Amino acid sequence: MITEVLDTKLNMGQAAAAHAEKLIQQAISERGSAYLIAATGASQFEFLDALVFFNIDWTRVVFFHLDEYVGLPETHPASFRRYLRERIVERVRPRAFHFINGDSKDADRECRRVGELISQQQIDAAFVGIGENGHLAFNDPPADFETDEPYIVVDLDAACRKQQVGEGWFSSIDEVPTQAISMSIQQIMKTRQILCIVPDQRKAEAVRNCVELEVSQMRPASILQKHDNVTLYLDRKSSSLLNL
């Protein structure tokens, strides 16, 4: 794992976006298309704002959705589909964006549908974060490290749900859904290159635990230690507890 520490959240986002642009251009050059995984949340704002302004042939780019709440309509301000449409799709018009329909009447069937789509492709790059509880996507602790299903229905723990309130997506924890559809750990780990983008002091403890302690299901993002091509982008605040 390569760790890059930038002074500010803005600088961190710009550096990660420049790296992402190189990976996308390389995939297009080598394969004619780039297949990407996009995360959401407040941690990705600066990164996505910088990425969409690069001169990329977005008609050759296909995105896959990382996770989505179960039962939340796309019209809700916290919907990840809404977030991704506003911050990626409507700005660059990629060839395709394969969304998770979180309000599908059958979540297990929806997992199978998007799982079949992603299983047909080798993913070039995943843009992810780390939750305050150490989660990767919505794989809260203890995460399932073994399932080979590409997408799974997961239960959201209290720490995860409190984070969503703290970031302003919901006004109370009672409003936060208790389940989500998430890309599995094994599916994320199949990606060629992973850029993990984690700003803010509130993430510092999770970053330290996932980087410096042993790999554990109780620290889901610690699994990234086992991937050959991970770059962790931090700002000064999120890196403040690391022994650099």
Protein backbone atom coordinates (compact mmCIF):
# COMPACT_ATOMS: atom_id res chain seq x y z
CA MET A 1 0.00 0.00 0.00
CA ILE A 2 1.32 3.40 -1.01
CA THR A 3 0.32 6.30 1.25
CA GLU A 4 0.17 9.85 -0.10
CA VAL A 5 -0.37 12.65 2.42
CA LEU A 6 -1.38 16.11 1.14
CA ASP A 7 -1.70 19.27 3.18
CA THR A 8 -5.40 19.88 2.61
CA LYS A 9 -8.52 18.05 1.59
CA LEU A 10 -8.57 20.01 -1.67
CA ASN A 11 -4.98 19.10 -2.54
CA MET A 12 -5.68 15.48 -1.65
CA GLY A 13 -8.70 15.35 -3.95
CA GLN A 14 -6.79 16.93 -6.81
CA ALA A 15 -3.84 14.54 -6.45
CA ALA A 16 -6.12 11.51 -6.35
CA ALA A 17 -8.02 12.77 -9.40
CA ALA A 18 -4.80 13.22 -11.37
CA HIS A 19 -3.83 9.64 -10.54
CA ALA A 20 -7.30 8.41 -11.50
CA GLU A 21 -7.10 10.23 -14.82
CA LYS A 22 -3.86 8.43 -15.69
CA LEU A 23 -5.41 5.05 -14.87
CA ILE A 24 -8.48 5.80 -16.97
CA GLN A 25 -6.44 6.99 -19.95
CA GLN A 26 -4.21 3.93 -19.70
CA ALA A 27 -7.20 1.56 -19.68
CA ILE A 28 -8.76 3.31 -22.68
CA SER A 29 -5.44 3.16 -24.54
CA GLU A 30 -4.90 -0.53 -23.80
CA ARG A 31 -8.45 -1.90 -23.95
CA GLY A 32 -10.57 0.74 -25.66
CA SER A 33 -12.67 1.24 -22.52
CA ALA A 34 -12.25 1.89 -18.81
CA TYR A 35 -14.35 0.14 -16.17
CA LEU A 36 -14.57 1.94 -12.83
CA ILE A 37 -16.15 1.70 -9.39
CA ALA A 38 -17.28 4.97 -7.81
CA ALA A 39 -17.92 5.63 -4.13
CA THR A 40 -20.03 8.35 -2.54
CA GLY A 41 -20.10 10.35 0.67
CA ALA A 42 -18.60 13.63 1.80
CA SER A 43 -15.08 12.20 1.52
CA GLN A 44 -15.34 12.06 -2.27
CA PHE A 45 -16.50 15.64 -2.98
CA GLU A 46 -13.14 17.22 -3.84
CA PHE A 47 -11.94 14.15 -5.74
CA LEU A 48 -14.98 13.96 -8.01
CA ASP A 49 -15.05 17.72 -8.53
CA ALA A 50 -11.49 17.53 -9.84
CA LEU A 51 -11.89 14.32 -11.84
CA VAL A 52 -14.79 15.46 -14.03
CA PHE A 53 -12.76 18.35 -15.47
CA PHE A 54 -10.05 16.18 -17.02
CA ASN A 55 -10.03 15.75 -20.78
CA ILE A 56 -11.21 12.13 -20.81
CA ASP A 57 -13.29 10.47 -23.51
CA TRP A 58 -16.09 9.63 -21.11
CA THR A 59 -18.00 7.78 -23.85
CA ARG A 60 -15.44 5.02 -23.32
CA VAL A 61 -16.00 4.84 -19.55
CA VAL A 62 -18.37 2.52 -17.70
CA PHE A 63 -19.07 2.94 -13.98
CA PHE A 64 -20.34 0.45 -11.43
CA HIS A 65 -22.12 1.50 -8.27
CA LEU A 66 -20.43 0.60 -4.96
CA ASP A 67 -23.37 0.59 -2.55
CA GLU A 68 -26.89 1.89 -1.92
CA TYR A 69 -29.42 1.97 0.90
CA VAL A 70 -32.22 -0.58 0.85
CA GLY A 71 -35.64 1.01 0.55
CA LEU A 72 -34.50 4.59 -0.03
CA PRO A 73 -35.97 6.27 -3.14
CA GLU A 74 -33.67 8.06 -5.56
CA THR A 75 -35.45 11.33 -4.79
CA HIS A 76 -34.15 11.29 -1.19
CA PRO A 77 -31.21 13.69 -0.59
CA ALA A 78 -29.15 10.80 0.84
CA SER A 79 -29.68 8.51 -2.14
CA PHE A 80 -26.35 7.45 -3.59
CA ARG A 81 -27.95 7.18 -7.03
CA ARG A 82 -28.91 10.82 -6.77
CA TYR A 83 -25.40 11.73 -5.58
CA LEU A 84 -23.75 9.91 -8.48
CA ARG A 85 -26.12 11.25 -11.11
CA GLU A 86 -25.51 14.82 -9.94
CA ARG A 87 -21.74 14.54 -9.45
CA ILE A 88 -20.77 12.22 -12.31
CA VAL A 89 -23.45 11.27 -14.83
CA GLU A 90 -24.96 14.69 -15.49
CA ARG A 91 -21.50 16.27 -15.69
CA VAL A 92 -19.58 13.90 -17.98
CA ARG A 93 -22.18 11.58 -19.58
CA PRO A 94 -20.25 8.30 -19.41
CA ARG A 95 -21.11 5.43 -21.71
CA ALA A 96 -22.92 3.68 -18.87
CA PHE A 97 -23.42 3.82 -15.14
CA HIS A 98 -24.78 0.62 -13.65
CA PHE A 99 -26.79 1.76 -10.65
CA ILE A 100 -28.02 -0.33 -7.74
CA ASN A 101 -31.77 0.05 -7.38
CA GLY A 102 -31.93 0.15 -3.61
CA ASP A 103 -35.69 0.46 -3.55
CA SER A 104 -36.18 -2.70 -5.60
CA LYS A 105 -38.92 -4.91 -4.14
CA ASP A 106 -36.46 -7.82 -4.03
CA ALA A 107 -33.00 -6.80 -2.78
CA ASP A 108 -31.52 -10.25 -3.28
CA ARG A 109 -32.64 -10.29 -6.90
CA GLU A 110 -31.15 -6.83 -7.38
CA CYS A 111 -27.85 -8.13 -6.00
CA ARG A 112 -27.90 -10.88 -8.58
CA ARG A 113 -28.75 -8.45 -11.39
CA VAL A 114 -25.88 -6.04 -10.77
CA GLY A 115 -23.62 -8.94 -9.84
CA GLU A 116 -24.09 -10.48 -13.27
CA LEU A 117 -23.20 -7.17 -14.92
CA ILE A 118 -19.97 -6.59 -13.01
CA SER A 119 -18.90 -10.23 -13.33
CA GLN A 120 -18.58 -9.73 -17.09
CA GLN A 121 -15.81 -7.13 -16.70
CA GLN A 122 -12.33 -6.70 -15.31
CA ILE A 123 -12.51 -3.48 -13.28
CA ASP A 124 -9.63 -1.13 -13.94
CA ALA A 125 -9.93 1.16 -10.92
CA ALA A 126 -12.03 1.54 -7.80
CA PHE A 127 -12.39 4.85 -5.99
CA VAL A 128 -13.30 4.11 -2.38
CA GLY A 129 -13.16 5.55 1.12
CA ILE A 130 -12.94 4.30 4.69
CA GLY A 131 -15.80 4.78 7.12
CA GLU A 132 -15.43 6.05 10.66
CA ASN A 133 -16.03 2.46 11.79
CA GLY A 134 -13.44 1.15 9.32
CA HIS A 135 -15.99 -0.07 6.80
CA LEU A 136 -15.18 -0.56 3.13
CA ALA A 137 -18.22 0.21 0.98
CA PHE A 138 -21.08 -0.67 3.34
CA ASN A 139 -19.32 -3.75 4.69
CA ASP A 140 -19.52 -2.86 8.37
CA PRO A 141 -17.64 -4.87 11.02
CA PRO A 142 -17.57 -7.81 11.24
CA ALA A 143 -17.31 -7.83 7.44
CA ASP A 144 -17.72 -10.93 5.31
CA PHE A 145 -14.28 -11.52 3.78
CA GLU A 146 -15.23 -14.86 2.24
CA THR A 147 -18.35 -14.51 0.09
CA ASP A 148 -17.69 -14.54 -3.64
CA GLU A 149 -21.03 -12.95 -4.47
CA PRO A 150 -20.31 -9.59 -6.13
CA TYR A 151 -23.11 -7.77 -4.26
CA ILE A 152 -24.71 -8.63 -0.93
CA VAL A 153 -27.36 -7.29 1.42
CA VAL A 154 -25.71 -6.03 4.60
CA ASP A 155 -26.88 -4.72 7.97
CA LEU A 156 -25.67 -1.24 8.91
CA ASP A 157 -24.30 -0.86 12.41
CA ALA A 158 -24.97 2.04 14.75
CA ALA A 159 -21.62 3.73 14.11
CA CYS A 160 -22.20 3.71 10.37
CA ARG A 161 -25.70 5.10 10.72
CA LYS A 162 -24.49 7.83 13.11
CA GLN A 163 -21.86 8.86 10.56
CA GLN A 164 -24.59 9.43 7.97
CA VAL A 165 -26.38 11.74 10.41
CA GLY A 166 -23.13 13.50 11.28
CA GLU A 167 -22.44 14.19 7.60
CA GLY A 168 -25.88 15.77 7.28
CA TRP A 169 -27.56 13.22 5.03
CA PHE A 170 -30.28 12.49 7.60
CA SER A 171 -31.66 14.52 10.48
CA SER A 172 -31.80 11.60 12.94
CA ILE A 173 -30.53 8.05 13.21
CA ASP A 174 -34.10 6.76 13.06
CA GLU A 175 -34.29 8.00 9.47
CA VAL A 176 -31.21 6.06 8.36
CA PRO A 177 -32.02 2.71 6.73
CA THR A 178 -30.82 -0.36 8.60
CA GLN A 179 -29.76 -2.28 5.49
CA ALA A 180 -27.93 -1.64 2.25
CA ILE A 181 -26.83 -3.41 -0.90
CA SER A 182 -23.05 -3.35 -0.96
CA MET A 183 -20.32 -4.55 -3.28
CA SER A 184 -18.62 -7.40 -1.44
CA ILE A 185 -15.07 -7.29 -0.13
CA GLN A 186 -13.92 -9.98 -2.56
CA GLN A 187 -15.38 -8.10 -5.54
CA ILE A 188 -13.62 -4.87 -4.54
CA MET A 189 -10.36 -6.79 -4.18
CA LYS A 190 -10.60 -8.05 -7.77
CA THR A 191 -10.02 -4.50 -9.02
CA ARG A 192 -6.71 -3.83 -10.76
CA GLN A 193 -6.02 -0.53 -8.98
CA ILE A 194 -7.65 0.91 -5.86
CA LEU A 195 -7.51 4.57 -4.88
CA CYS A 196 -8.67 4.99 -1.29
CA ILE A 197 -9.48 8.63 -0.58
CA VAL A 198 -9.91 9.54 3.09
CA PRO A 199 -9.92 13.12 4.43
CA ASP A 200 -10.85 14.59 7.84
CA GLN A 201 -9.85 14.17 11.46
CA ARG A 202 -12.90 12.03 12.23
CA LYS A 203 -11.40 9.29 10.03
CA ALA A 204 -7.94 9.36 11.65
CA GLU A 205 -8.51 6.51 14.10
CA ALA A 206 -10.03 4.26 11.44
CA VAL A 207 -7.15 5.03 9.08
CA ARG A 208 -4.56 4.16 11.72
CA ASN A 209 -6.33 0.93 12.67
CA CYS A 210 -6.79 -0.22 9.09
CA VAL A 211 -3.24 0.63 8.05
CA GLU A 212 -1.13 -0.23 11.11
CA LEU A 213 -3.00 -3.10 12.78
CA GLU A 214 -3.41 -6.61 11.46
CA VAL A 215 -6.07 -7.46 8.89
CA SER A 216 -9.36 -8.17 10.63
CA GLN A 217 -13.05 -8.45 9.82
CA MET A 218 -13.54 -5.95 12.64
CA ARG A 219 -11.52 -3.45 10.58
CA PRO A 220 -12.96 -4.15 7.12
CA ALA A 221 -10.77 -1.70 5.18
CA SER A 222 -7.67 -3.39 6.62
CA ILE A 223 -8.14 -5.99 3.86
CA LEU A 224 -6.62 -3.41 1.51
CA GLN A 225 -3.24 -4.36 2.99
CA LYS A 226 -3.53 -7.58 0.97
CA HIS A 227 -4.07 -5.88 -2.40
CA ASP A 228 -1.02 -5.34 -4.62
CA ASN A 229 -2.03 -1.95 -6.04
CA VAL A 230 -3.59 0.37 -3.47
CA THR A 231 -2.82 4.05 -3.07
CA LEU A 232 -4.18 5.67 0.08
CA TYR A 233 -4.76 9.42 -0.24
CA LEU A 234 -4.92 11.31 3.06
CA ASP A 235 -4.87 14.90 4.24
CA ARG A 236 -2.96 16.06 7.30
CA LYS A 237 -5.93 15.52 9.57
CA SER A 238 -6.82 11.98 8.52
CA SER A 239 -3.14 10.96 8.70
CA SER A 240 -2.53 12.57 12.08
CA LEU A 241 -2.41 9.30 14.07
CA LEU A 242 -0.17 7.36 11.69
CA ASN A 243 3.44 6.58 12.51
CA LEU A 244 4.84 8.16 9.36
